[in-house]
Amino acid sequence: MTELVFSVSVEELCQCEEFSQQLIVEVVEHGIAHPMAGQEVVDWVFDTTSVHWLRKAVRLHSDLEIDWVAVAMVIELLQKNEALEKQNKHIEQQLKRFLEY
């Protein structure tokens, strides 16, 4: 089975989302999003997961007017919560199959 990976360049992010390159650099510097390719900022490419968290981080920063360090902490907690929810769902599915026998 082949996994499709969609990617977005910094230029595309700046055009579509109206983000500045400096904003994207700040988000990356705080570990909120991670480019999957590119050494220089103009060459960075992001997968859709990073774009999702980048958008969420920008909304938190602008809507709640909190600094990037706090945004990074909130995003980390949201990511951990999402991972735990997936794990819980997987365990529930396994348990359901086990109990059906």
PDB file of N, CA and C in Angstrom:
ATOM      1  N   MET A   1       0.844  -1.178   0.000  1.00  0.00           N
ATOM      2  CA  MET A   1       0.000   0.000   0.000  1.00  0.00           C
ATOM      3  C   MET A   1       0.891   1.244   0.000  1.00  0.00           C
ATOM      4  N   THR A   2       0.633   2.156  -0.896  1.00  0.00           N
ATOM      5  CA  THR A   2       1.423   3.367  -1.026  1.00  0.00           C
ATOM      6  C   THR A   2       0.756   4.489  -0.246  1.00  0.00           C
ATOM      7  N   GLU A   3       1.573   5.189   0.534  1.00  0.00           N
ATOM      8  CA  GLU A   3       1.064   6.318   1.303  1.00  0.00           C
ATOM      9  C   GLU A   3       1.309   7.599   0.519  1.00  0.00           C
ATOM     10  N   LEU A   4       0.251   8.376   0.308  1.00  0.00           N
ATOM     11  CA  LEU A   4       0.386   9.652  -0.374  1.00  0.00           C
ATOM     12  C   LEU A   4       0.790  10.722   0.621  1.00  0.00           C
ATOM     13  N   VAL A   5       1.776  11.507   0.256  1.00  0.00           N
ATOM     14  CA  VAL A   5       2.214  12.610   1.095  1.00  0.00           C
ATOM     15  C   VAL A   5       2.104  13.887   0.271  1.00  0.00           C
ATOM     16  N   PHE A   6       1.277  14.789   0.738  1.00  0.00           N
ATOM     17  CA  PHE A   6       1.133  16.072   0.070  1.00  0.00           C
ATOM     18  C   PHE A   6       2.045  17.073   0.753  1.00  0.00           C
ATOM     19  N   SER A   7       2.589  17.971  -0.034  1.00  0.00           N
ATOM     20  CA  SER A   7       3.509  18.953   0.529  1.00  0.00           C
ATOM     21  C   SER A   7       3.157  20.357   0.044  1.00  0.00           C
ATOM     22  N   VAL A   8       3.597  21.333   0.848  1.00  0.00           N
ATOM     23  CA  VAL A   8       3.335  22.739   0.568  1.00  0.00           C
ATOM     24  C   VAL A   8       4.630  23.503   0.783  1.00  0.00           C
ATOM     25  N   SER A   9       4.990  24.327  -0.163  1.00  0.00           N
ATOM     26  CA  SER A   9       6.203  25.136  -0.037  1.00  0.00           C
ATOM     27  C   SER A   9       5.919  26.385   0.795  1.00  0.00           C
ATOM     28  N   VAL A  10       6.982  27.028   1.238  1.00  0.00           N
ATOM     29  CA  VAL A  10       6.843  28.277   1.986  1.00  0.00           C
ATOM     30  C   VAL A  10       6.134  29.320   1.130  1.00  0.00           C
ATOM     31  N   GLU A  11       6.509  29.379  -0.127  1.00  0.00           N
ATOM     32  CA  GLU A  11       5.882  30.358  -1.033  1.00  0.00           C
ATOM     33  C   GLU A  11       4.376  30.118  -1.135  1.00  0.00           C
ATOM     34  N   GLU A  12       3.977  28.855  -1.257  1.00  0.00           N
ATOM     35  CA  GLU A  12       2.552  28.530  -1.334  1.00  0.00           C
ATOM     36  C   GLU A  12       1.831  28.882  -0.028  1.00  0.00           C
ATOM     37  N   LEU A  13       2.482  28.619   1.097  1.00  0.00           N
ATOM     38  CA  LEU A  13       1.891  28.988   2.389  1.00  0.00           C
ATOM     39  C   LEU A  13       1.688  30.492   2.495  1.00  0.00           C
ATOM     40  N   CYS A  14       2.696  31.233   2.065  1.00  0.00           N
ATOM     41  CA  CYS A  14       2.606  32.685   2.122  1.00  0.00           C
ATOM     42  C   CYS A  14       1.476  33.210   1.234  1.00  0.00           C
ATOM     43  N   GLN A  15       1.307  32.606   0.074  1.00  0.00           N
ATOM     44  CA  GLN A  15       0.261  33.051  -0.851  1.00  0.00           C
ATOM     45  C   GLN A  15      -1.133  32.617  -0.391  1.00  0.00           C
ATOM     46  N   CYS A  16      -1.286  31.346  -0.059  1.00  0.00           N
ATOM     47  CA  CYS A  16      -2.612  30.802   0.268  1.00  0.00           C
ATOM     48  C   CYS A  16      -3.106  31.222   1.643  1.00  0.00           C
ATOM     49  N   GLU A  17      -2.220  31.219   2.610  1.00  0.00           N
ATOM     50  CA  GLU A  17      -2.608  31.499   3.989  1.00  0.00           C
ATOM     51  C   GLU A  17      -2.329  32.932   4.409  1.00  0.00           C
ATOM     52  N   GLU A  18      -1.667  33.682   3.536  1.00  0.00           N
ATOM     53  CA  GLU A  18      -1.281  35.056   3.821  1.00  0.00           C
ATOM     54  C   GLU A  18      -0.377  35.144   5.050  1.00  0.00           C
ATOM     55  N   PHE A  19       0.537  34.173   5.171  1.00  0.00           N
ATOM     56  CA  PHE A  19       1.547  34.174   6.220  1.00  0.00           C
ATOM     57  C   PHE A  19       2.789  34.862   5.664  1.00  0.00           C
ATOM     58  N   SER A  20       3.534  35.519   6.539  1.00  0.00           N
ATOM     59  CA  SER A  20       4.831  36.052   6.131  1.00  0.00           C
ATOM     60  C   SER A  20       5.882  34.964   6.360  1.00  0.00           C
ATOM     61  N   GLN A  21       6.997  35.077   5.653  1.00  0.00           N
ATOM     62  CA  GLN A  21       8.083  34.122   5.868  1.00  0.00           C
ATOM     63  C   GLN A  21       8.584  34.204   7.304  1.00  0.00           C
ATOM     64  N   GLN A  22       8.634  35.405   7.858  1.00  0.00           N
ATOM     65  CA  GLN A  22       9.091  35.584   9.242  1.00  0.00           C
ATOM     66  C   GLN A  22       8.180  34.843  10.215  1.00  0.00           C
ATOM     67  N   LEU A  23       6.886  34.871   9.976  1.00  0.00           N
ATOM     68  CA  LEU A  23       5.934  34.151  10.820  1.00  0.00           C
ATOM     69  C   LEU A  23       6.211  32.647  10.776  1.00  0.00           C
ATOM     70  N   ILE A  24       6.439  32.128   9.591  1.00  0.00           N
ATOM     71  CA  ILE A  24       6.728  30.701   9.428  1.00  0.00           C
ATOM     72  C   ILE A  24       8.038  30.341  10.134  1.00  0.00           C
ATOM     73  N   VAL A  25       9.034  31.199  10.021  1.00  0.00           N
ATOM     74  CA  VAL A  25      10.315  30.964  10.694  1.00  0.00           C
ATOM     75  C   VAL A  25      10.110  30.911  12.210  1.00  0.00           C
ATOM     76  N   GLU A  26       9.322  31.832  12.754  1.00  0.00           N
ATOM     77  CA  GLU A  26       9.059  31.834  14.203  1.00  0.00           C
ATOM     78  C   GLU A  26       8.394  30.539  14.653  1.00  0.00           C
ATOM     79  N   VAL A  27       7.427  30.079  13.889  1.00  0.00           N
ATOM     80  CA  VAL A  27       6.719  28.846  14.236  1.00  0.00           C
ATOM     81  C   VAL A  27       7.681  27.657  14.211  1.00  0.00           C
ATOM     82  N   VAL A  28       8.532  27.609  13.211  1.00  0.00           N
ATOM     83  CA  VAL A  28       9.516  26.520  13.110  1.00  0.00           C
ATOM     84  C   VAL A  28      10.535  26.614  14.242  1.00  0.00           C
ATOM     85  N   GLU A  29      10.991  27.821  14.548  1.00  0.00           N
ATOM     86  CA  GLU A  29      11.966  27.999  15.626  1.00  0.00           C
ATOM     87  C   GLU A  29      11.434  27.526  16.976  1.00  0.00           C
ATOM     88  N   HIS A  30      10.134  27.615  17.171  1.00  0.00           N
ATOM     89  CA  HIS A  30       9.525  27.177  18.433  1.00  0.00           C
ATOM     90  C   HIS A  30       9.106  25.712  18.391  1.00  0.00           C
ATOM     91  N   GLY A  31       9.442  25.023  17.310  1.00  0.00           N
ATOM     92  CA  GLY A  31       9.189  23.584  17.231  1.00  0.00           C
ATOM     93  C   GLY A  31       7.742  23.206  17.008  1.00  0.00           C
ATOM     94  N   ILE A  32       6.955  24.133  16.539  1.00  0.00           N
ATOM     95  CA  ILE A  32       5.536  23.873  16.328  1.00  0.00           C
ATOM     96  C   ILE A  32       5.306  23.145  15.014  1.00  0.00           C
ATOM     97  N   ALA A  33       6.010  23.545  13.987  1.00  0.00           N
ATOM     98  CA  ALA A  33       5.939  22.888  12.672  1.00  0.00           C
ATOM     99  C   ALA A  33       7.365  22.571  12.239  1.00  0.00           C
ATOM    100  N   HIS A  34       7.485  21.530  11.427  1.00  0.00           N
ATOM    101  CA  HIS A  34       8.809  21.084  11.000  1.00  0.00           C
ATOM    102  C   HIS A  34       8.823  20.901   9.487  1.00  0.00           C
ATOM    103  N   PRO A  35       9.720  21.620   8.797  1.00  0.00           N
ATOM    104  CA  PRO A  35       9.814  21.403   7.350  1.00  0.00           C
ATOM    105  C   PRO A  35      10.328  19.991   7.078  1.00  0.00           C
ATOM    106  N   MET A  36       9.744  19.343   6.073  1.00  0.00           N
ATOM    107  CA  MET A  36      10.179  17.987   5.733  1.00  0.00           C
ATOM    108  C   MET A  36      11.318  18.000   4.727  1.00  0.00           C
ATOM    109  N   ALA A  37      11.585  19.163   4.146  1.00  0.00           N
ATOM    110  CA  ALA A  37      12.685  19.279   3.190  1.00  0.00           C
ATOM    111  C   ALA A  37      13.099  20.742   3.105  1.00  0.00           C
ATOM    112  N   GLY A  38      14.333  20.942   2.633  1.00  0.00           N
ATOM    113  CA  GLY A  38      14.841  22.290   2.397  1.00  0.00           C
ATOM    114  C   GLY A  38      15.773  22.755   3.489  1.00  0.00           C
ATOM    115  N   GLN A  39      16.907  23.311   3.078  1.00  0.00           N
ATOM    116  CA  GLN A  39      17.884  23.842   4.027  1.00  0.00           C
ATOM    117  C   GLN A  39      17.638  25.328   4.318  1.00  0.00           C
ATOM    118  N   GLU A  40      17.331  26.076   3.280  1.00  0.00           N
ATOM    119  CA  GLU A  40      17.052  27.507   3.419  1.00  0.00           C
ATOM    120  C   GLU A  40      15.545  27.715   3.547  1.00  0.00           C
ATOM    121  N   VAL A  41      15.157  28.812   4.180  1.00  0.00           N
ATOM    122  CA  VAL A  41      13.733  29.095   4.409  1.00  0.00           C
ATOM    123  C   VAL A  41      12.944  29.060   3.105  1.00  0.00           C
ATOM    124  N   VAL A  42      13.467  29.633   2.047  1.00  0.00           N
ATOM    125  CA  VAL A  42      12.735  29.679   0.771  1.00  0.00           C
ATOM    126  C   VAL A  42      12.558  28.279   0.160  1.00  0.00           C
ATOM    127  N   ASP A  43      13.378  27.326   0.603  1.00  0.00           N
ATOM    128  CA  ASP A  43      13.306  25.957   0.078  1.00  0.00           C
ATOM    129  C   ASP A  43      12.501  25.014   0.968  1.00  0.00           C
ATOM    130  N   TRP A  44      12.040  25.495   2.113  1.00  0.00           N
ATOM    131  CA  TRP A  44      11.305  24.628   3.033  1.00  0.00           C
ATOM    132  C   TRP A  44      10.038  24.095   2.379  1.00  0.00           C
ATOM    133  N   VAL A  45       9.736  22.850   2.691  1.00  0.00           N
ATOM    134  CA  VAL A  45       8.512  22.192   2.240  1.00  0.00           C
ATOM    135  C   VAL A  45       7.894  21.533   3.463  1.00  0.00           C
ATOM    136  N   PHE A  46       6.591  21.688   3.631  1.00  0.00           N
ATOM    137  CA  PHE A  46       5.883  21.154   4.784  1.00  0.00           C
ATOM    138  C   PHE A  46       4.865  20.117   4.344  1.00  0.00           C
ATOM    139  N   ASP A  47       4.691  19.084   5.175  1.00  0.00           N
ATOM    140  CA  ASP A  47       3.617  18.133   4.913  1.00  0.00           C
ATOM    141  C   ASP A  47       2.319  18.710   5.485  1.00  0.00           C
ATOM    142  N   THR A  48       1.220  18.067   5.177  1.00  0.00           N
ATOM    143  CA  THR A  48      -0.085  18.606   5.576  1.00  0.00           C
ATOM    144  C   THR A  48      -0.269  18.630   7.088  1.00  0.00           C
ATOM    145  N   THR A  49       0.363  17.704   7.796  1.00  0.00           N
ATOM    146  CA  THR A  49       0.259  17.700   9.256  1.00  0.00           C
ATOM    147  C   THR A  49       0.905  18.949   9.838  1.00  0.00           C
ATOM    148  N   SER A  50       2.083  19.293   9.355  1.00  0.00           N
ATOM    149  CA  SER A  50       2.751  20.509   9.835  1.00  0.00           C
ATOM    150  C   SER A  50       1.950  21.757   9.481  1.00  0.00           C
ATOM    151  N   VAL A  51       1.347  21.762   8.303  1.00  0.00           N
ATOM    152  CA  VAL A  51       0.520  22.907   7.902  1.00  0.00           C
ATOM    153  C   VAL A  51      -0.674  23.037   8.841  1.00  0.00           C
ATOM    154  N   HIS A  52      -1.268  21.913   9.199  1.00  0.00           N
ATOM    155  CA  HIS A  52      -2.402  21.909  10.139  1.00  0.00           C
ATOM    156  C   HIS A  52      -2.010  22.568  11.462  1.00  0.00           C
ATOM    157  N   TRP A  53      -0.862  22.138  12.033  1.00  0.00           N
ATOM    158  CA  TRP A  53      -0.426  22.683  13.318  1.00  0.00           C
ATOM    159  C   TRP A  53       0.043  24.119  13.183  1.00  0.00           C
ATOM    160  N   LEU A  54       0.602  24.473  12.042  1.00  0.00           N
ATOM    161  CA  LEU A  54       1.021  25.849  11.811  1.00  0.00           C
ATOM    162  C   LEU A  54      -0.198  26.772  11.805  1.00  0.00           C
ATOM    163  N   ARG A  55      -1.241  26.371  11.103  1.00  0.00           N
ATOM    164  CA  ARG A  55      -2.471  27.181  11.071  1.00  0.00           C
ATOM    165  C   ARG A  55      -3.053  27.339  12.472  1.00  0.00           C
ATOM    166  N   LYS A  56      -3.109  26.237  13.192  1.00  0.00           N
ATOM    167  CA  LYS A  56      -3.665  26.258  14.546  1.00  0.00           C
ATOM    168  C   LYS A  56      -2.840  27.177  15.440  1.00  0.00           C
ATOM    169  N   ALA A  57      -1.528  27.116  15.329  1.00  0.00           N
ATOM    170  CA  ALA A  57      -0.641  27.956  16.134  1.00  0.00           C
ATOM    171  C   ALA A  57      -0.854  29.442  15.829  1.00  0.00           C
ATOM    172  N   VAL A  58      -0.963  29.763  14.564  1.00  0.00           N
ATOM    173  CA  VAL A  58      -1.171  31.165  14.179  1.00  0.00           C
ATOM    174  C   VAL A  58      -2.504  31.670  14.729  1.00  0.00           C
ATOM    175  N   ARG A  59      -3.531  30.834  14.664  1.00  0.00           N
ATOM    176  CA  ARG A  59      -4.834  31.243  15.219  1.00  0.00           C
ATOM    177  C   ARG A  59      -4.744  31.461  16.734  1.00  0.00           C
ATOM    178  N   LEU A  60      -4.076  30.551  17.435  1.00  0.00           N
ATOM    179  CA  LEU A  60      -3.923  30.716  18.883  1.00  0.00           C
ATOM    180  C   LEU A  60      -3.174  32.008  19.204  1.00  0.00           C
ATOM    181  N   HIS A  61      -2.103  32.241  18.467  1.00  0.00           N
ATOM    182  CA  HIS A  61      -1.285  33.428  18.703  1.00  0.00           C
ATOM    183  C   HIS A  61      -2.083  34.712  18.462  1.00  0.00           C
ATOM    184  N   SER A  62      -2.837  34.750  17.386  1.00  0.00           N
ATOM    185  CA  SER A  62      -3.562  35.986  17.058  1.00  0.00           C
ATOM    186  C   SER A  62      -4.873  36.122  17.846  1.00  0.00           C
ATOM    187  N   ASP A  63      -5.624  35.033  17.987  1.00  0.00           N
ATOM    188  CA  ASP A  63      -6.927  35.120  18.662  1.00  0.00           C
ATOM    189  C   ASP A  63      -6.789  35.315  20.172  1.00  0.00           C
ATOM    190  N   LEU A  64      -5.862  34.593  20.783  1.00  0.00           N
ATOM    191  CA  LEU A  64      -5.703  34.668  22.238  1.00  0.00           C
ATOM    192  C   LEU A  64      -4.599  35.616  22.675  1.00  0.00           C
ATOM    193  N   GLU A  65      -3.851  36.134  21.689  1.00  0.00           N
ATOM    194  CA  GLU A  65      -2.773  37.082  21.947  1.00  0.00           C
ATOM    195  C   GLU A  65      -1.777  36.540  22.976  1.00  0.00           C
ATOM    196  N   ILE A  66      -1.381  35.275  22.789  1.00  0.00           N
ATOM    197  CA  ILE A  66      -0.365  34.689  23.656  1.00  0.00           C
ATOM    198  C   ILE A  66       0.939  34.557  22.883  1.00  0.00           C
ATOM    199  N   ASP A  67       2.042  34.547  23.628  1.00  0.00           N
ATOM    200  CA  ASP A  67       3.347  34.508  22.964  1.00  0.00           C
ATOM    201  C   ASP A  67       3.622  33.117  22.382  1.00  0.00           C
ATOM    202  N   TRP A  68       4.671  33.035  21.566  1.00  0.00           N
ATOM    203  CA  TRP A  68       4.973  31.796  20.844  1.00  0.00           C
ATOM    204  C   TRP A  68       5.373  30.657  21.766  1.00  0.00           C
ATOM    205  N   VAL A  69       5.994  30.972  22.890  1.00  0.00           N
ATOM    206  CA  VAL A  69       6.375  29.905  23.826  1.00  0.00           C
ATOM    207  C   VAL A  69       5.116  29.234  24.372  1.00  0.00           C
ATOM    208  N   ALA A  70       4.137  30.026  24.750  1.00  0.00           N
ATOM    209  CA  ALA A  70       2.877  29.475  25.251  1.00  0.00           C
ATOM    210  C   ALA A  70       2.133  28.724  24.147  1.00  0.00           C
ATOM    211  N   VAL A  71       2.166  29.253  22.936  1.00  0.00           N
ATOM    212  CA  VAL A  71       1.525  28.574  21.802  1.00  0.00           C
ATOM    213  C   VAL A  71       2.170  27.210  21.590  1.00  0.00           C
ATOM    214  N   ALA A  72       3.494  27.167  21.654  1.00  0.00           N
ATOM    215  CA  ALA A  72       4.197  25.892  21.471  1.00  0.00           C
ATOM    216  C   ALA A  72       3.779  24.884  22.536  1.00  0.00           C
ATOM    217  N   MET A  73       3.619  25.332  23.774  1.00  0.00           N
ATOM    218  CA  MET A  73       3.186  24.440  24.844  1.00  0.00           C
ATOM    219  C   MET A  73       1.762  23.934  24.604  1.00  0.00           C
ATOM    220  N   VAL A  74       0.883  24.813  24.188  1.00  0.00           N
ATOM    221  CA  VAL A  74      -0.504  24.422  23.910  1.00  0.00           C
ATOM    222  C   VAL A  74      -0.549  23.424  22.760  1.00  0.00           C
ATOM    223  N   ILE A  75       0.197  23.685  21.704  1.00  0.00           N
ATOM    224  CA  ILE A  75       0.229  22.776  20.548  1.00  0.00           C
ATOM    225  C   ILE A  75       0.766  21.415  20.967  1.00  0.00           C
ATOM    226  N   GLU A  76       1.806  21.397  21.786  1.00  0.00           N
ATOM    227  CA  GLU A  76       2.363  20.125  22.257  1.00  0.00           C
ATOM    228  C   GLU A  76       1.313  19.335  23.038  1.00  0.00           C
ATOM    229  N   LEU A  77       0.569  20.014  23.899  1.00  0.00           N
ATOM    230  CA  LEU A  77      -0.487  19.339  24.658  1.00  0.00           C
ATOM    231  C   LEU A  77      -1.601  18.842  23.742  1.00  0.00           C
ATOM    232  N   LEU A  78      -1.954  19.634  22.757  1.00  0.00           N
ATOM    233  CA  LEU A  78      -2.990  19.207  21.799  1.00  0.00           C
ATOM    234  C   LEU A  78      -2.528  17.991  21.005  1.00  0.00           C
ATOM    235  N   GLN A  79      -1.254  17.976  20.611  1.00  0.00           N
ATOM    236  CA  GLN A  79      -0.719  16.835  19.870  1.00  0.00           C
ATOM    237  C   GLN A  79      -0.700  15.573  20.733  1.00  0.00           C
ATOM    238  N   LYS A  80      -0.311  15.725  22.006  1.00  0.00           N
ATOM    239  CA  LYS A  80      -0.318  14.574  22.914  1.00  0.00           C
ATOM    240  C   LYS A  80      -1.744  14.069  23.126  1.00  0.00           C
ATOM    241  N   ASN A  81      -2.685  14.981  23.277  1.00  0.00           N
ATOM    242  CA  ASN A  81      -4.078  14.602  23.453  1.00  0.00           C
ATOM    243  C   ASN A  81      -4.593  13.851  22.230  1.00  0.00           C
ATOM    244  N   GLU A  82      -4.253  14.348  21.050  1.00  0.00           N
ATOM    245  CA  GLU A  82      -4.665  13.690  19.809  1.00  0.00           C
ATOM    246  C   GLU A  82      -4.073  12.279  19.713  1.00  0.00           C
ATOM    247  N   ALA A  83      -2.810  12.146  20.075  1.00  0.00           N
ATOM    248  CA  ALA A  83      -2.162  10.830  20.039  1.00  0.00           C
ATOM    249  C   ALA A  83      -2.812   9.874  21.030  1.00  0.00           C
ATOM    250  N   LEU A  84      -3.138  10.360  22.211  1.00  0.00           N
ATOM    251  CA  LEU A  84      -3.800   9.522  23.212  1.00  0.00           C
ATOM    252  C   LEU A  84      -5.205   9.111  22.762  1.00  0.00           C
ATOM    253  N   GLU A  85      -5.910  10.014  22.116  1.00  0.00           N
ATOM    254  CA  GLU A  85      -7.244   9.678  21.601  1.00  0.00           C
ATOM    255  C   GLU A  85      -7.153   8.590  20.535  1.00  0.00           C
ATOM    256  N   LYS A  86      -6.167   8.689  19.647  1.00  0.00           N
ATOM    257  CA  LYS A  86      -5.971   7.650  18.628  1.00  0.00           C
ATOM    258  C   LYS A  86      -5.634   6.315  19.273  1.00  0.00           C
ATOM    259  N   GLN A  87      -4.745   6.353  20.252  1.00  0.00           N
ATOM    260  CA  GLN A  87      -4.347   5.131  20.945  1.00  0.00           C
ATOM    261  C   GLN A  87      -5.545   4.515  21.663  1.00  0.00           C
ATOM    262  N   ASN A  88      -6.342   5.340  22.306  1.00  0.00           N
ATOM    263  CA  ASN A  88      -7.526   4.872  23.015  1.00  0.00           C
ATOM    264  C   ASN A  88      -8.526   4.236  22.047  1.00  0.00           C
ATOM    265  N   LYS A  89      -8.722   4.861  20.912  1.00  0.00           N
ATOM    266  CA  LYS A  89      -9.636   4.325  19.905  1.00  0.00           C
ATOM    267  C   LYS A  89      -9.147   2.961  19.408  1.00  0.00           C
ATOM    268  N   HIS A  90      -7.845   2.858  19.174  1.00  0.00           N
ATOM    269  CA  HIS A  90      -7.253   1.597  18.718  1.00  0.00           C
ATOM    270  C   HIS A  90      -7.444   0.498  19.768  1.00  0.00           C
ATOM    271  N   ILE A  91      -7.198   0.831  21.019  1.00  0.00           N
ATOM    272  CA  ILE A  91      -7.363  -0.147  22.104  1.00  0.00           C
ATOM    273  C   ILE A  91      -8.823  -0.553  22.235  1.00  0.00           C
ATOM    274  N   GLU A  92      -9.739   0.407  22.117  1.00  0.00           N
ATOM    275  CA  GLU A  92     -11.170   0.079  22.176  1.00  0.00           C
ATOM    276  C   GLU A  92     -11.565  -0.875  21.056  1.00  0.00           C
ATOM    277  N   GLN A  93     -11.026  -0.656  19.847  1.00  0.00           N
ATOM    278  CA  GLN A  93     -11.321  -1.544  18.726  1.00  0.00           C
ATOM    279  C   GLN A  93     -10.792  -2.942  18.987  1.00  0.00           C
ATOM    280  N   GLN A  94      -9.583  -3.033  19.519  1.00  0.00           N
ATOM    281  CA  GLN A  94      -9.020  -4.344  19.839  1.00  0.00           C
ATOM    282  C   GLN A  94      -9.841  -5.038  20.914  1.00  0.00           C
ATOM    283  N   LEU A  95     -10.229  -4.316  21.925  1.00  0.00           N
ATOM    284  CA  LEU A  95     -11.016  -4.881  23.007  1.00  0.00           C
ATOM    285  C   LEU A  95     -12.376  -5.358  22.490  1.00  0.00           C
ATOM    286  N   LYS A  96     -12.975  -4.564  21.630  1.00  0.00           N
ATOM    287  CA  LYS A  96     -14.277  -4.954  21.061  1.00  0.00           C
ATOM    288  C   LYS A  96     -14.151  -6.253  20.277  1.00  0.00           C
ATOM    289  N   ARG A  97     -13.100  -6.392  19.474  1.00  0.00           N
ATOM    290  CA  ARG A  97     -12.885  -7.630  18.728  1.00  0.00           C
ATOM    291  C   ARG A  97     -12.642  -8.809  19.665  1.00  0.00           C
ATOM    292  N   PHE A  98     -11.913  -8.566  20.730  1.00  0.00           N
ATOM    293  CA  PHE A  98     -11.608  -9.613  21.692  1.00  0.00           C
ATOM    294  C   PHE A  98     -12.888 -10.081  22.396  1.00  0.00           C
ATOM    295  N   LEU A  99     -13.732  -9.124  22.764  1.00  0.00           N
ATOM    296  CA  LEU A  99     -14.954  -9.473  23.493  1.00  0.00           C
ATOM    297  C   LEU A  99     -16.004 -10.126  22.600  1.00  0.00           C
ATOM    298  N   GLU A 100     -15.911  -9.941  21.295  1.00  0.00           N
ATOM    299  CA  GLU A 100     -16.866 -10.556  20.371  1.00  0.00           C
ATOM    300  C   GLU A 100     -16.660 -12.048  20.243  1.00  0.00           C
ATOM    301  N   TYR A 101     -15.475 -12.541  20.561  1.00  0.00           N
ATOM    302  CA  TYR A 101     -15.199 -13.983  20.438  1.00  0.00           C
ATOM    303  C   TYR A 101     -15.786 -14.759  21.548  1.00  0.00           C
TER     304      TYR A 101
END
